[in-house]
Amino acid sequence: MTTISPDIRLPAGSAPVACVDIGGTKVAVSVADARGIHGKVTEPTAKEGNNDALALQIIRLVGQSCALAGIAVADISAVGVSSCGPFVMRDGLVELAAPNICGGMAGKARGLPNDWLTALLEAPLRAAFPNVRVENDGVGALEAERRWGALQGLDDCAYVTWSTGIGMGLCVDGHILRGKNGNAGHFGHTFVSDNDDALCGCGMVGDVEGLVAGNAIPRRFGSLGYTDSAMLFAASHAGDARAVAIIDDLCRVMGRTVFNMIAALDLQRVSIGGSVFWHHRDYLLPRVVSHITGKLPALTRGVEVVPAGLGERVGDFAALALVTG
């Protein structure tokens, strides 16, 4: 399976749209029109001040992106928002209860600089723009991967992000799963092993995200000298036996998680993206797959686990997929 970089352009004469990718670490905004995707701007995710800070940041970044692209903000016809979750619905509009953004969930021990239980999102955006669609980033990436990436033509498939957080987008019988609040696919907040010290931003201890997410690595292993994921992987590639054992354990957790998803949904293919995975995909993928292949062959035989076809650009295309037919 190869990575592709489609040159996606809106039909001639189409009004421009804004694409917003919200992660626990950064927010990226770009615009798309008949010329393609351009005007990309990126900032660290706003986590200080009032709980409308993130929404105000997005509104400002849309303006900056439009300026770079030579587009008037008033000409933006729709805004697609692909965001980390979970979501809370208030008066029918999405607020974020994202563990890596809202510090009021796990408390001061998590180290986030706010006490938000939710971050306002959809309401402020709808006050600023005429047409807004907000979806879980796993759903957005899944839609993009099914249209342009590694999941094209498949009715039973999933996208997994292994990044600052852990998330999934799920499709069964050709239907994308969303759930009552748009939170279907939060396998990152499930349990596959015993652990009593991996505090997740959601407040739980020992869930998948608390164990293997990008920001879990310095929290769990910083005292051993691995202060970020890059240092851990560098040590592993240099033959550090302790680093190798840690990564093998991370892959065991992720492999079990993906197996559970395959077993629950009877999938054909799973594509994996996200910064932690993507930068080390050749090293991680076979280790993850080793915890799936041969396990209950009636469920796993023929299932493919592959790198995201859209590569590092999956976030850009995720937001675009939400507002283009």
Protein backbone atom coordinates (compact mmCIF):
# COMPACT_ATOMS: atom_id res chain seq x y z
CA MET A 1 0.00 0.00 0.00
CA THR A 2 1.59 3.27 -1.08
CA THR A 3 1.07 6.78 0.22
CA ILE A 4 -0.62 9.11 -2.23
CA SER A 5 -0.88 12.88 -2.34
CA PRO A 6 -3.95 13.68 -4.42
CA ASP A 7 -4.17 17.10 -6.01
CA ILE A 8 -7.72 17.85 -4.89
CA ARG A 9 -9.39 20.88 -6.37
CA LEU A 10 -12.97 22.03 -6.12
CA PRO A 11 -14.86 22.35 -9.41
CA ALA A 12 -14.34 25.60 -11.28
CA GLY A 13 -16.62 28.29 -9.94
CA SER A 14 -17.08 26.63 -6.55
CA ALA A 15 -17.11 28.87 -3.49
CA PRO A 16 -14.07 28.30 -1.24
CA VAL A 17 -14.29 26.26 1.95
CA ALA A 18 -12.18 26.31 5.12
CA CYS A 19 -10.62 23.15 6.54
CA VAL A 20 -9.89 22.99 10.28
CA ASP A 21 -7.91 20.18 11.91
CA ILE A 22 -7.96 20.29 15.74
CA GLY A 23 -5.52 18.11 17.65
CA GLY A 24 -4.37 18.02 21.22
CA THR A 25 -1.06 19.60 20.18
CA LYS A 26 -1.86 21.88 17.26
CA VAL A 27 -4.61 23.45 15.18
CA ALA A 28 -4.16 23.62 11.40
CA VAL A 29 -6.37 25.67 9.08
CA SER A 30 -6.32 25.87 5.29
CA VAL A 31 -8.72 26.81 2.52
CA ALA A 32 -9.71 24.91 -0.61
CA ASP A 33 -11.04 26.16 -3.92
CA ALA A 34 -10.61 25.47 -7.61
CA ARG A 35 -6.86 26.07 -7.21
CA GLY A 36 -6.50 23.33 -4.59
CA ILE A 37 -5.70 23.39 -0.87
CA HIS A 38 -3.57 26.33 0.23
CA GLY A 39 -3.08 29.10 2.77
CA LYS A 40 -2.24 26.65 5.54
CA VAL A 41 -1.54 28.11 8.99
CA THR A 42 -0.74 26.20 12.15
CA GLU A 43 -0.54 27.09 15.85
CA PRO A 44 -0.33 25.22 19.15
CA THR A 45 -3.83 24.41 20.35
CA ALA A 46 -5.21 27.17 22.59
CA LYS A 47 -5.55 25.89 26.17
CA GLU A 48 -5.45 29.02 28.30
CA GLY A 49 -8.04 31.64 29.25
CA ASN A 50 -11.78 31.16 28.92
CA ASN A 51 -13.19 27.99 27.41
CA ASP A 52 -14.03 29.79 24.15
CA ALA A 53 -10.31 30.36 23.50
CA LEU A 54 -10.05 27.50 21.00
CA ALA A 55 -13.08 28.65 18.98
CA LEU A 56 -11.74 32.21 18.88
CA GLN A 57 -8.35 30.88 17.76
CA ILE A 58 -10.00 29.01 14.88
CA ILE A 59 -11.95 32.06 13.74
CA ARG A 60 -8.73 34.10 13.75
CA LEU A 61 -6.79 31.39 11.88
CA VAL A 62 -9.47 31.12 9.21
CA GLY A 63 -8.97 34.84 8.62
CA GLN A 64 -5.20 34.39 8.39
CA SER A 65 -5.55 31.44 6.02
CA CYS A 66 -7.90 33.40 3.77
CA ALA A 67 -5.45 36.31 3.70
CA LEU A 68 -2.59 34.02 2.65
CA ALA A 69 -4.77 32.47 -0.06
CA GLY A 70 -6.08 35.79 -1.32
CA ILE A 71 -9.67 34.91 -0.41
CA ALA A 72 -12.20 37.11 1.40
CA VAL A 73 -13.49 35.54 4.60
CA ALA A 74 -17.00 36.52 3.51
CA ASP A 75 -16.61 34.23 0.49
CA ILE A 76 -16.09 31.09 2.64
CA SER A 77 -19.14 28.91 1.95
CA ALA A 78 -18.52 26.20 4.55
CA VAL A 79 -16.16 25.26 7.36
CA GLY A 80 -15.26 21.63 7.93
CA VAL A 81 -13.92 20.90 11.42
CA SER A 82 -12.16 17.60 12.09
CA SER A 83 -11.51 17.53 15.84
CA CYS A 84 -10.23 15.32 18.58
CA GLY A 85 -12.99 14.38 21.02
CA PRO A 86 -14.98 13.21 22.84
CA PHE A 87 -17.87 15.56 22.14
CA VAL A 88 -20.56 16.84 24.47
CA MET A 89 -23.79 18.07 22.88
CA ARG A 90 -25.27 21.25 24.33
CA ASP A 91 -28.44 22.57 22.69
CA GLY A 92 -27.58 20.38 19.70
CA LEU A 93 -24.13 21.90 19.24
CA VAL A 94 -20.72 20.30 19.79
CA GLU A 95 -18.49 21.19 22.71
CA LEU A 96 -15.19 19.39 23.24
CA ALA A 97 -14.49 17.24 26.26
CA ALA A 98 -11.06 16.46 24.88
CA PRO A 99 -8.63 14.98 27.44
CA ASN A 100 -5.62 16.69 25.89
CA ILE A 101 -7.28 20.12 25.82
CA CYS A 102 -9.65 20.34 28.82
CA GLY A 103 -7.71 20.34 32.08
CA GLY A 104 -10.74 20.09 34.36
CA MET A 105 -11.29 16.43 33.52
CA ALA A 106 -8.25 14.82 35.14
CA GLY A 107 -7.30 17.75 37.37
CA LYS A 108 -3.97 19.40 38.11
CA ALA A 109 -2.06 16.13 38.03
CA ARG A 110 -2.47 16.13 34.24
CA GLY A 111 -0.62 19.45 33.93
CA LEU A 112 -2.95 21.31 31.55
CA PRO A 113 -3.18 25.09 32.14
CA ASN A 114 -6.96 25.32 32.51
CA ASP A 115 -9.86 23.90 34.48
CA TRP A 116 -12.25 23.50 31.54
CA LEU A 117 -14.66 20.60 31.55
CA THR A 118 -15.55 21.44 27.94
CA ALA A 119 -14.23 23.80 25.28
CA LEU A 120 -16.81 25.73 23.29
CA LEU A 121 -16.59 24.97 19.59
CA GLU A 122 -19.59 24.76 17.28
CA ALA A 123 -21.69 27.61 18.70
CA PRO A 124 -19.04 30.34 18.25
CA LEU A 125 -18.14 29.02 14.79
CA ARG A 126 -21.77 29.05 13.67
CA ALA A 127 -22.03 32.64 14.84
CA ALA A 128 -19.10 33.52 12.55
CA PHE A 129 -19.67 31.33 9.48
CA PRO A 130 -22.80 30.34 7.53
CA ASN A 131 -22.24 26.59 7.26
CA VAL A 132 -20.22 24.53 9.76
CA ARG A 133 -19.81 20.75 10.04
CA VAL A 134 -17.98 19.34 13.06
CA GLU A 135 -17.00 15.67 13.24
CA ASN A 136 -14.65 13.56 15.29
CA ASP A 137 -11.25 13.57 13.60
CA GLY A 138 -11.41 9.79 13.26
CA VAL A 139 -14.62 10.16 11.24
CA GLY A 140 -13.14 12.92 9.09
CA ALA A 141 -9.98 10.91 8.41
CA LEU A 142 -12.05 7.81 7.67
CA GLU A 143 -14.13 9.73 5.12
CA ALA A 144 -10.94 11.06 3.51
CA GLU A 145 -9.26 7.64 3.46
CA ARG A 146 -12.38 6.10 1.88
CA ARG A 147 -12.52 8.79 -0.83
CA TRP A 148 -8.86 9.34 -1.63
CA GLY A 149 -6.67 7.05 0.48
CA ALA A 150 -6.09 3.47 1.57
CA LEU A 151 -9.73 2.56 2.27
CA GLN A 152 -11.23 3.28 -1.14
CA GLY A 153 -13.95 0.86 -2.21
CA LEU A 154 -14.35 -0.77 1.20
CA ASP A 155 -17.59 -1.07 3.20
CA ASP A 156 -16.07 -2.54 6.39
CA CYS A 157 -13.01 -0.60 7.45
CA ALA A 158 -11.51 1.70 10.05
CA TYR A 159 -8.99 4.48 10.44
CA VAL A 160 -6.77 4.67 13.52
CA THR A 161 -4.76 7.69 14.64
CA TRP A 162 -1.77 7.12 16.91
CA SER A 163 -0.74 10.64 17.80
CA THR A 164 -1.04 12.98 20.80
CA GLY A 165 -4.19 10.96 21.48
CA ILE A 166 -5.64 7.70 20.17
CA GLY A 167 -8.78 7.74 18.03
CA MET A 168 -10.67 5.72 15.44
CA GLY A 169 -13.20 6.16 12.68
CA LEU A 170 -15.40 3.15 11.96
CA CYS A 171 -17.37 2.02 8.91
CA VAL A 172 -19.57 -1.11 8.88
CA ASP A 173 -21.73 -2.25 5.94
CA GLY A 174 -20.90 1.02 4.20
CA HIS A 175 -22.23 3.13 7.07
CA ILE A 176 -19.94 5.40 9.09
CA LEU A 177 -20.66 4.93 12.79
CA ARG A 178 -21.22 8.05 14.90
CA GLY A 179 -23.33 7.21 17.95
CA LYS A 180 -25.62 9.38 20.03
CA ASN A 181 -23.11 12.23 20.48
CA GLY A 182 -20.74 11.56 17.60
CA ASN A 183 -18.33 9.67 19.86
CA ALA A 184 -18.30 6.22 18.26
CA GLY A 185 -14.74 4.98 17.85
CA HIS A 186 -13.19 6.06 21.12
CA PHE A 187 -11.27 2.81 21.55
CA GLY A 188 -8.48 4.95 23.02
CA HIS A 189 -10.49 5.10 26.21
CA THR A 190 -10.88 1.35 26.55
CA PHE A 191 -8.78 -1.06 28.62
CA VAL A 192 -6.64 -3.91 27.28
CA SER A 193 -4.17 -4.45 30.16
CA ASP A 194 -3.66 -3.69 33.82
CA ASN A 195 -1.94 -0.46 34.82
CA ASP A 196 -2.28 1.77 37.86
CA ASP A 197 -0.14 4.82 36.99
CA ALA A 198 -0.88 5.81 33.36
CA LEU A 199 -3.15 8.81 33.97
CA CYS A 200 -5.14 9.78 30.90
CA GLY A 201 -6.42 13.29 30.40
CA CYS A 202 -9.96 11.93 30.65
CA GLY A 203 -9.31 11.13 34.30
CA MET A 204 -9.09 7.36 33.89
CA VAL A 205 -5.94 5.43 34.70
CA GLY A 206 -4.57 2.73 32.43
CA ASP A 207 -6.69 3.17 29.31
CA VAL A 208 -5.12 2.79 25.87
CA GLU A 209 -4.49 6.52 25.41
CA GLY A 210 -2.97 6.84 28.86
CA LEU A 211 -0.61 3.99 27.99
CA VAL A 212 0.56 4.62 24.42
CA ALA A 213 -0.40 8.10 23.17
CA GLY A 214 2.37 10.47 22.15
CA ASN A 215 2.04 12.55 25.29
CA ALA A 216 1.92 9.41 27.47
CA ILE A 217 5.50 8.54 26.57
CA PRO A 218 7.23 11.42 28.44
CA ARG A 219 4.81 11.08 31.37
CA ARG A 220 5.46 7.36 31.75
CA PHE A 221 9.10 7.09 30.72
CA GLY A 222 10.61 10.56 31.17
CA SER A 223 12.24 9.49 34.44
CA LEU A 224 14.10 6.81 32.46
CA GLY A 225 15.54 9.45 30.14
CA TYR A 226 12.98 9.17 27.32
CA THR A 227 11.56 12.66 27.50
CA ASP A 228 9.69 12.43 24.20
CA SER A 229 8.78 9.81 21.62
CA ALA A 230 11.64 10.81 19.31
CA MET A 231 14.18 10.08 22.06
CA LEU A 232 12.56 6.73 22.85
CA PHE A 233 12.63 5.62 19.21
CA ALA A 234 16.19 6.88 18.70
CA ALA A 235 17.30 4.83 21.70
CA SER A 236 15.49 1.79 20.39
CA HIS A 237 17.09 2.08 16.95
CA ALA A 238 20.48 2.40 18.67
CA GLY A 239 19.93 -0.98 20.34
CA ASP A 240 18.87 0.19 23.82
CA ALA A 241 17.23 -3.00 25.12
CA ARG A 242 15.03 -1.14 27.60
CA ALA A 243 13.71 1.18 24.87
CA VAL A 244 13.04 -1.80 22.61
CA ALA A 245 11.07 -3.50 25.38
CA ILE A 246 9.02 -0.35 26.00
CA ILE A 247 8.13 0.01 22.32
CA ASP A 248 7.26 -3.68 22.08
CA ASP A 249 4.88 -3.18 25.01
CA LEU A 250 3.32 -0.11 23.37
CA CYS A 251 2.75 -2.17 20.22
CA ARG A 252 1.22 -4.98 22.26
CA VAL A 253 -1.33 -2.54 23.67
CA MET A 254 -2.06 -1.03 20.26
CA GLY A 255 -2.17 -4.42 18.57
CA ARG A 256 -4.69 -5.71 21.09
CA THR A 257 -6.75 -2.58 20.61
CA VAL A 258 -6.86 -3.00 16.83
CA PHE A 259 -7.63 -6.71 17.24
CA ASN A 260 -10.57 -5.89 19.49
CA MET A 261 -11.84 -3.44 16.89
CA ILE A 262 -11.54 -6.04 14.13
CA ALA A 263 -13.25 -8.67 16.28
CA ALA A 264 -16.09 -6.34 17.24
CA LEU A 265 -16.79 -5.01 13.74
CA ASP A 266 -15.61 -7.75 11.32
CA LEU A 267 -13.44 -5.39 9.27
CA GLN A 268 -11.67 -5.80 5.93
CA ARG A 269 -8.90 -3.23 6.34
CA VAL A 270 -7.55 -0.79 8.92
CA SER A 271 -5.39 2.18 7.99
CA ILE A 272 -3.21 3.85 10.62
CA GLY A 273 -1.94 7.42 10.70
CA GLY A 274 -1.00 10.05 13.26
CA SER A 275 2.36 11.57 14.11
CA VAL A 276 3.66 8.86 16.45
CA PHE A 277 2.85 6.09 14.00
CA TRP A 278 3.69 7.90 10.78
CA HIS A 279 7.23 8.92 11.67
CA HIS A 280 8.07 5.34 12.74
CA ARG A 281 5.64 3.33 10.62
CA ASP A 282 8.16 0.86 9.19
CA TYR A 283 9.27 0.00 12.73
CA LEU A 284 5.84 -0.04 14.38
CA LEU A 285 3.56 -1.65 11.83
CA PRO A 286 4.97 -5.20 11.88
CA ARG A 287 5.05 -5.13 15.68
CA VAL A 288 1.39 -4.07 15.85
CA VAL A 289 0.36 -6.63 13.22
CA SER A 290 2.12 -9.43 15.12
CA HIS A 291 -0.56 -9.14 17.81
CA ILE A 292 -3.32 -9.60 15.22
CA THR A 293 -2.11 -12.09 12.62
CA GLY A 294 -3.15 -15.65 13.41
CA LYS A 295 -5.35 -14.67 16.34
CA LEU A 296 -8.76 -16.32 15.77
CA PRO A 297 -8.29 -16.70 12.00
CA ALA A 298 -12.04 -16.79 11.35
CA LEU A 299 -12.02 -13.08 12.23
CA THR A 300 -8.53 -11.97 11.20
CA ARG A 301 -7.67 -14.00 8.09
CA GLY A 302 -7.33 -11.64 5.14
CA VAL A 303 -7.65 -8.47 7.21
CA GLU A 304 -5.12 -5.84 6.16
CA VAL A 305 -3.53 -3.30 8.50
CA VAL A 306 -1.81 -0.61 6.43
CA PRO A 307 -0.33 2.89 6.72
CA ALA A 308 -2.74 5.71 5.94
CA GLY A 309 -2.86 6.27 2.21
CA LEU A 310 -2.94 10.04 2.69
CA GLY A 311 0.10 10.02 4.94
CA GLU A 312 0.87 13.17 6.88
CA ARG A 313 -1.82 15.10 5.00
CA VAL A 314 -4.71 13.02 6.30
CA GLY A 315 -5.73 15.82 8.71
CA ASP A 316 -5.99 18.37 5.88
CA PHE A 317 -8.06 16.04 3.75
CA ALA A 318 -10.19 14.93 6.72
CA ALA A 319 -11.63 18.41 7.17
CA LEU A 320 -12.09 18.84 3.42
CA ALA A 321 -13.97 15.56 3.13
CA LEU A 322 -16.56 16.87 5.59
CA VAL A 323 -17.65 19.76 3.37
CA THR A 324 -17.26 18.40 -0.16
CA GLY A 325 -19.52 15.88 -1.82
